[in-house]
Amino acid sequence: MIKLTKLNGEKFVLNCEQIVAIECIPESKIILHNLSFYIVRETPDEIIQKSVEYLMLTHSLNIHPKV
């Protein structure tokens, strides 16, 4: 899950694994698997960075089995 900001300043959390595409219009339009979308203040590069960090964290947790 990544934290993003709508154009009105409202913060929300999005499951980045549902992102299909990001358009720059010039705001960022995030399109999801179900074809719904969000328009946010963050740039595509920021969204990608947040998604990569989240995915690295979740995958690293799965690498180390719990004893």
PDB file of N, CA and C in Angstrom:
ATOM      1  N   MET A   1       0.844  -1.165   0.000  1.00  0.00           N
ATOM      2  CA  MET A   1       0.000   0.000   0.000  1.00  0.00           C
ATOM      3  C   MET A   1       0.901   1.244   0.000  1.00  0.00           C
ATOM      4  N   ILE A   2       0.513   2.216  -0.803  1.00  0.00           N
ATOM      5  CA  ILE A   2       1.286   3.454  -0.870  1.00  0.00           C
ATOM      6  C   ILE A   2       0.393   4.647  -0.520  1.00  0.00           C
ATOM      7  N   LYS A   3       0.982   5.655   0.118  1.00  0.00           N
ATOM      8  CA  LYS A   3       0.256   6.860   0.503  1.00  0.00           C
ATOM      9  C   LYS A   3       0.337   7.879  -0.623  1.00  0.00           C
ATOM     10  N   LEU A   4      -0.819   8.402  -1.027  1.00  0.00           N
ATOM     11  CA  LEU A   4      -0.895   9.380  -2.109  1.00  0.00           C
ATOM     12  C   LEU A   4      -1.780  10.550  -1.697  1.00  0.00           C
ATOM     13  N   THR A   5      -1.789  11.597  -2.521  1.00  0.00           N
ATOM     14  CA  THR A   5      -2.546  12.805  -2.224  1.00  0.00           C
ATOM     15  C   THR A   5      -3.431  13.169  -3.414  1.00  0.00           C
ATOM     16  N   LYS A   6      -4.736  13.271  -3.158  1.00  0.00           N
ATOM     17  CA  LYS A   6      -5.655  13.731  -4.199  1.00  0.00           C
ATOM     18  C   LYS A   6      -5.421  15.218  -4.443  1.00  0.00           C
ATOM     19  N   LEU A   7      -5.969  15.742  -5.527  1.00  0.00           N
ATOM     20  CA  LEU A   7      -5.764  17.150  -5.871  1.00  0.00           C
ATOM     21  C   LEU A   7      -6.307  18.094  -4.806  1.00  0.00           C
ATOM     22  N   ASN A   8      -7.345  17.666  -4.062  1.00  0.00           N
ATOM     23  CA  ASN A   8      -7.914  18.518  -3.014  1.00  0.00           C
ATOM     24  C   ASN A   8      -7.130  18.452  -1.706  1.00  0.00           C
ATOM     25  N   GLY A   9      -6.006  17.715  -1.703  1.00  0.00           N
ATOM     26  CA  GLY A   9      -5.155  17.603  -0.525  1.00  0.00           C
ATOM     27  C   GLY A   9      -5.472  16.414   0.363  1.00  0.00           C
ATOM     28  N   GLU A  10      -6.542  15.689   0.053  1.00  0.00           N
ATOM     29  CA  GLU A  10      -6.927  14.522   0.848  1.00  0.00           C
ATOM     30  C   GLU A  10      -5.911  13.390   0.653  1.00  0.00           C
ATOM     31  N   LYS A  11      -5.428  12.843   1.760  1.00  0.00           N
ATOM     32  CA  LYS A  11      -4.484  11.720   1.724  1.00  0.00           C
ATOM     33  C   LYS A  11      -5.270  10.416   1.673  1.00  0.00           C
ATOM     34  N   PHE A  12      -4.750   9.432   0.946  1.00  0.00           N
ATOM     35  CA  PHE A  12      -5.360   8.111   0.923  1.00  0.00           C
ATOM     36  C   PHE A  12      -4.285   7.074   0.644  1.00  0.00           C
ATOM     37  N   VAL A  13      -4.647   5.816   0.839  1.00  0.00           N
ATOM     38  CA  VAL A  13      -3.711   4.711   0.642  1.00  0.00           C
ATOM     39  C   VAL A  13      -4.237   3.844  -0.490  1.00  0.00           C
ATOM     40  N   LEU A  14      -3.340   3.453  -1.400  1.00  0.00           N
ATOM     41  CA  LEU A  14      -3.716   2.690  -2.584  1.00  0.00           C
ATOM     42  C   LEU A  14      -2.906   1.404  -2.652  1.00  0.00           C
ATOM     43  N   ASN A  15      -3.555   0.318  -3.026  1.00  0.00           N
ATOM     44  CA  ASN A  15      -2.857  -0.941  -3.263  1.00  0.00           C
ATOM     45  C   ASN A  15      -2.143  -0.819  -4.609  1.00  0.00           C
ATOM     46  N   CYS A  16      -0.837  -0.623  -4.568  1.00  0.00           N
ATOM     47  CA  CYS A  16      -0.076  -0.382  -5.801  1.00  0.00           C
ATOM     48  C   CYS A  16      -0.036  -1.598  -6.718  1.00  0.00           C
ATOM     49  N   GLU A  17      -0.384  -2.764  -6.203  1.00  0.00           N
ATOM     50  CA  GLU A  17      -0.388  -3.957  -7.046  1.00  0.00           C
ATOM     51  C   GLU A  17      -1.578  -3.978  -8.004  1.00  0.00           C
ATOM     52  N   GLN A  18      -2.495  -3.030  -7.845  1.00  0.00           N
ATOM     53  CA  GLN A  18      -3.652  -2.923  -8.732  1.00  0.00           C
ATOM     54  C   GLN A  18      -3.438  -1.928  -9.868  1.00  0.00           C
ATOM     55  N   ILE A  19      -2.282  -1.240  -9.875  1.00  0.00           N
ATOM     56  CA  ILE A  19      -2.020  -0.222 -10.896  1.00  0.00           C
ATOM     57  C   ILE A  19      -1.714  -0.883 -12.244  1.00  0.00           C
ATOM     58  N   VAL A  20      -2.408  -0.406 -13.275  1.00  0.00           N
ATOM     59  CA  VAL A  20      -2.182  -0.875 -14.643  1.00  0.00           C
ATOM     60  C   VAL A  20      -1.351   0.140 -15.423  1.00  0.00           C
ATOM     61  N   ALA A  21      -1.660   1.431 -15.216  1.00  0.00           N
ATOM     62  CA  ALA A  21      -0.960   2.479 -15.967  1.00  0.00           C
ATOM     63  C   ALA A  21      -1.006   3.787 -15.192  1.00  0.00           C
ATOM     64  N   ILE A  22      -0.071   4.664 -15.508  1.00  0.00           N
ATOM     65  CA  ILE A  22      -0.050   6.014 -14.955  1.00  0.00           C
ATOM     66  C   ILE A  22       0.096   6.970 -16.134  1.00  0.00           C
ATOM     67  N   GLU A  23      -0.851   7.895 -16.256  1.00  0.00           N
ATOM     68  CA  GLU A  23      -0.801   8.902 -17.309  1.00  0.00           C
ATOM     69  C   GLU A  23      -0.443  10.250 -16.687  1.00  0.00           C
ATOM     70  N   CYS A  24       0.304  11.041 -17.420  1.00  0.00           N
ATOM     71  CA  CYS A  24       0.659  12.386 -16.960  1.00  0.00           C
ATOM     72  C   CYS A  24      -0.171  13.364 -17.784  1.00  0.00           C
ATOM     73  N   ILE A  25      -1.117  14.101 -17.113  1.00  0.00           N
ATOM     74  CA  ILE A  25      -2.114  14.882 -17.872  1.00  0.00           C
ATOM     75  C   ILE A  25      -2.212  16.369 -17.514  1.00  0.00           C
ATOM     76  N   PRO A  26      -1.456  17.178 -16.891  1.00  0.00           N
ATOM     77  CA  PRO A  26      -0.127  16.976 -16.333  1.00  0.00           C
ATOM     78  C   PRO A  26      -0.127  16.368 -14.936  1.00  0.00           C
ATOM     79  N   GLU A  27      -1.290  16.320 -14.254  1.00  0.00           N
ATOM     80  CA  GLU A  27      -1.317  15.588 -12.996  1.00  0.00           C
ATOM     81  C   GLU A  27      -1.137  14.108 -13.312  1.00  0.00           C
ATOM     82  N   SER A  28      -1.005  13.295 -12.289  1.00  0.00           N
ATOM     83  CA  SER A  28      -0.861  11.862 -12.520  1.00  0.00           C
ATOM     84  C   SER A  28      -2.213  11.186 -12.400  1.00  0.00           C
ATOM     85  N   LYS A  29      -2.595  10.464 -13.435  1.00  0.00           N
ATOM     86  CA  LYS A  29      -3.838   9.695 -13.454  1.00  0.00           C
ATOM     87  C   LYS A  29      -3.448   8.225 -13.336  1.00  0.00           C
ATOM     88  N   ILE A  30      -3.838   7.611 -12.215  1.00  0.00           N
ATOM     89  CA  ILE A  30      -3.511   6.208 -11.962  1.00  0.00           C
ATOM     90  C   ILE A  30      -4.717   5.367 -12.365  1.00  0.00           C
ATOM     91  N   ILE A  31      -4.513   4.457 -13.303  1.00  0.00           N
ATOM     92  CA  ILE A  31      -5.582   3.580 -13.778  1.00  0.00           C
ATOM     93  C   ILE A  31      -5.382   2.203 -13.158  1.00  0.00           C
ATOM     94  N   LEU A  32      -6.468   1.654 -12.598  1.00  0.00           N
ATOM     95  CA  LEU A  32      -6.416   0.369 -11.905  1.00  0.00           C
ATOM     96  C   LEU A  32      -6.977  -0.758 -12.774  1.00  0.00           C
ATOM     97  N   HIS A  33      -6.790  -2.002 -12.332  1.00  0.00           N
ATOM     98  CA  HIS A  33      -7.270  -3.184 -13.055  1.00  0.00           C
ATOM     99  C   HIS A  33      -8.761  -3.112 -13.374  1.00  0.00           C
ATOM    100  N   ASN A  34      -9.553  -2.567 -12.444  1.00  0.00           N
ATOM    101  CA  ASN A  34     -11.003  -2.517 -12.663  1.00  0.00           C
ATOM    102  C   ASN A  34     -11.417  -1.297 -13.487  1.00  0.00           C
ATOM    103  N   LEU A  35     -10.418  -0.597 -14.059  1.00  0.00           N
ATOM    104  CA  LEU A  35     -10.584   0.578 -14.925  1.00  0.00           C
ATOM    105  C   LEU A  35     -11.029   1.836 -14.175  1.00  0.00           C
ATOM    106  N   SER A  36     -11.120   1.784 -12.852  1.00  0.00           N
ATOM    107  CA  SER A  36     -11.335   3.017 -12.104  1.00  0.00           C
ATOM    108  C   SER A  36     -10.001   3.767 -12.074  1.00  0.00           C
ATOM    109  N   PHE A  37     -10.033   5.029 -11.671  1.00  0.00           N
ATOM    110  CA  PHE A  37      -8.800   5.795 -11.676  1.00  0.00           C
ATOM    111  C   PHE A  37      -8.801   6.823 -10.559  1.00  0.00           C
ATOM    112  N   TYR A  38      -7.602   7.298 -10.236  1.00  0.00           N
ATOM    113  CA  TYR A  38      -7.383   8.371  -9.273  1.00  0.00           C
ATOM    114  C   TYR A  38      -6.478   9.398  -9.919  1.00  0.00           C
ATOM    115  N   ILE A  39      -6.747  10.663  -9.656  1.00  0.00           N
ATOM    116  CA  ILE A  39      -5.858  11.730 -10.093  1.00  0.00           C
ATOM    117  C   ILE A  39      -5.182  12.269  -8.840  1.00  0.00           C
ATOM    118  N   VAL A  40      -3.850  12.253  -8.858  1.00  0.00           N
ATOM    119  CA  VAL A  40      -3.083  12.573  -7.651  1.00  0.00           C
ATOM    120  C   VAL A  40      -2.020  13.637  -7.937  1.00  0.00           C
ATOM    121  N   ARG A  41      -1.514  14.219  -6.840  1.00  0.00           N
ATOM    122  CA  ARG A  41      -0.483  15.261  -6.931  1.00  0.00           C
ATOM    123  C   ARG A  41       0.903  14.695  -7.224  1.00  0.00           C
ATOM    124  N   GLU A  42       1.171  13.473  -6.780  1.00  0.00           N
ATOM    125  CA  GLU A  42       2.505  12.888  -6.963  1.00  0.00           C
ATOM    126  C   GLU A  42       2.799  12.672  -8.451  1.00  0.00           C
ATOM    127  N   THR A  43       4.062  12.781  -8.806  1.00  0.00           N
ATOM    128  CA  THR A  43       4.485  12.544 -10.189  1.00  0.00           C
ATOM    129  C   THR A  43       4.536  11.037 -10.452  1.00  0.00           C
ATOM    130  N   PRO A  44       4.522  10.638 -11.722  1.00  0.00           N
ATOM    131  CA  PRO A  44       4.674   9.222 -12.016  1.00  0.00           C
ATOM    132  C   PRO A  44       5.945   8.624 -11.397  1.00  0.00           C
ATOM    133  N   ASP A  45       7.043   9.375 -11.429  1.00  0.00           N
ATOM    134  CA  ASP A  45       8.291   8.873 -10.839  1.00  0.00           C
ATOM    135  C   ASP A  45       8.150   8.638  -9.335  1.00  0.00           C
ATOM    136  N   GLU A  46       7.451   9.536  -8.649  1.00  0.00           N
ATOM    137  CA  GLU A  46       7.242   9.360  -7.207  1.00  0.00           C
ATOM    138  C   GLU A  46       6.360   8.138  -6.926  1.00  0.00           C
ATOM    139  N   ILE A  47       5.332   7.952  -7.737  1.00  0.00           N
ATOM    140  CA  ILE A  47       4.444   6.794  -7.565  1.00  0.00           C
ATOM    141  C   ILE A  47       5.215   5.502  -7.799  1.00  0.00           C
ATOM    142  N   ILE A  48       6.033   5.487  -8.832  1.00  0.00           N
ATOM    143  CA  ILE A  48       6.850   4.301  -9.125  1.00  0.00           C
ATOM    144  C   ILE A  48       7.803   4.032  -7.970  1.00  0.00           C
ATOM    145  N   GLN A  49       8.471   5.059  -7.467  1.00  0.00           N
ATOM    146  CA  GLN A  49       9.413   4.893  -6.358  1.00  0.00           C
ATOM    147  C   GLN A  49       8.712   4.330  -5.123  1.00  0.00           C
ATOM    148  N   LYS A  50       7.556   4.882  -4.779  1.00  0.00           N
ATOM    149  CA  LYS A  50       6.799   4.390  -3.625  1.00  0.00           C
ATOM    150  C   LYS A  50       6.394   2.933  -3.833  1.00  0.00           C
ATOM    151  N   SER A  51       5.984   2.589  -5.052  1.00  0.00           N
ATOM    152  CA  SER A  51       5.574   1.217  -5.352  1.00  0.00           C
ATOM    153  C   SER A  51       6.745   0.253  -5.244  1.00  0.00           C
ATOM    154  N   VAL A  52       7.889   0.646  -5.772  1.00  0.00           N
ATOM    155  CA  VAL A  52       9.090  -0.194  -5.699  1.00  0.00           C
ATOM    156  C   VAL A  52       9.484  -0.425  -4.243  1.00  0.00           C
ATOM    157  N   GLU A  53       9.476   0.637  -3.441  1.00  0.00           N
ATOM    158  CA  GLU A  53       9.823   0.501  -2.023  1.00  0.00           C
ATOM    159  C   GLU A  53       8.860  -0.445  -1.310  1.00  0.00           C
ATOM    160  N   TYR A  54       7.566  -0.307  -1.590  1.00  0.00           N
ATOM    161  CA  TYR A  54       6.566  -1.185  -0.972  1.00  0.00           C
ATOM    162  C   TYR A  54       6.789  -2.638  -1.389  1.00  0.00           C
ATOM    163  N   LEU A  55       6.978  -2.862  -2.680  1.00  0.00           N
ATOM    164  CA  LEU A  55       7.158  -4.232  -3.169  1.00  0.00           C
ATOM    165  C   LEU A  55       8.443  -4.862  -2.653  1.00  0.00           C
ATOM    166  N   MET A  56       9.512  -4.069  -2.558  1.00  0.00           N
ATOM    167  CA  MET A  56      10.761  -4.589  -1.997  1.00  0.00           C
ATOM    168  C   MET A  56      10.559  -5.000  -0.543  1.00  0.00           C
ATOM    169  N   LEU A  57       9.827  -4.183   0.201  1.00  0.00           N
ATOM    170  CA  LEU A  57       9.565  -4.485   1.606  1.00  0.00           C
ATOM    171  C   LEU A  57       8.735  -5.761   1.747  1.00  0.00           C
ATOM    172  N   THR A  58       7.669  -5.871   0.990  1.00  0.00           N
ATOM    173  CA  THR A  58       6.808  -7.047   1.124  1.00  0.00           C
ATOM    174  C   THR A  58       7.508  -8.317   0.653  1.00  0.00           C
ATOM    175  N   HIS A  59       8.297  -8.223  -0.405  1.00  0.00           N
ATOM    176  CA  HIS A  59       8.997  -9.408  -0.892  1.00  0.00           C
ATOM    177  C   HIS A  59      10.135  -9.814   0.046  1.00  0.00           C
ATOM    178  N   SER A  60      10.793  -8.833   0.675  1.00  0.00           N
ATOM    179  CA  SER A  60      11.873  -9.186   1.604  1.00  0.00           C
ATOM    180  C   SER A  60      11.306  -9.869   2.832  1.00  0.00           C
ATOM    181  N   LEU A  61      10.076  -9.543   3.228  1.00  0.00           N
ATOM    182  CA  LEU A  61       9.457 -10.210   4.369  1.00  0.00           C
ATOM    183  C   LEU A  61       9.160 -11.671   4.060  1.00  0.00           C
ATOM    184  N   ASN A  62       8.899 -11.976   2.779  1.00  0.00           N
ATOM    185  CA  ASN A  62       8.586 -13.348   2.369  1.00  0.00           C
ATOM    186  C   ASN A  62       9.832 -14.209   2.176  1.00  0.00           C
ATOM    187  N   ILE A  63      10.986 -13.587   2.028  1.00  0.00           N
ATOM    188  CA  ILE A  63      12.229 -14.332   1.794  1.00  0.00           C
ATOM    189  C   ILE A  63      12.686 -15.072   3.040  1.00  0.00           C
ATOM    190  N   HIS A  64      12.535 -14.441   4.192  1.00  0.00           N
ATOM    191  CA  HIS A  64      13.030 -15.004   5.441  1.00  0.00           C
ATOM    192  C   HIS A  64      11.925 -15.757   6.167  1.00  0.00           C
ATOM    193  N   PRO A  65      11.965 -17.087   6.135  1.00  0.00           N
ATOM    194  CA  PRO A  65      10.916 -17.842   6.814  1.00  0.00           C
ATOM    195  C   PRO A  65      10.972 -17.627   8.321  1.00  0.00           C
ATOM    196  N   LYS A  66       9.808 -17.592   8.930  1.00  0.00           N
ATOM    197  CA  LYS A  66       9.744 -17.422  10.381  1.00  0.00           C
ATOM    198  C   LYS A  66      10.024 -18.753  11.058  1.00  0.00           C
ATOM    199  N   VAL A  67      10.783 -18.698  12.133  1.00  0.00           N
ATOM    200  CA  VAL A  67      11.166 -19.920  12.844  1.00  0.00           C
ATOM    201  C   VAL A  67      10.216 -20.174  13.982  1.00  0.00           C
TER     202      VAL A  67
END
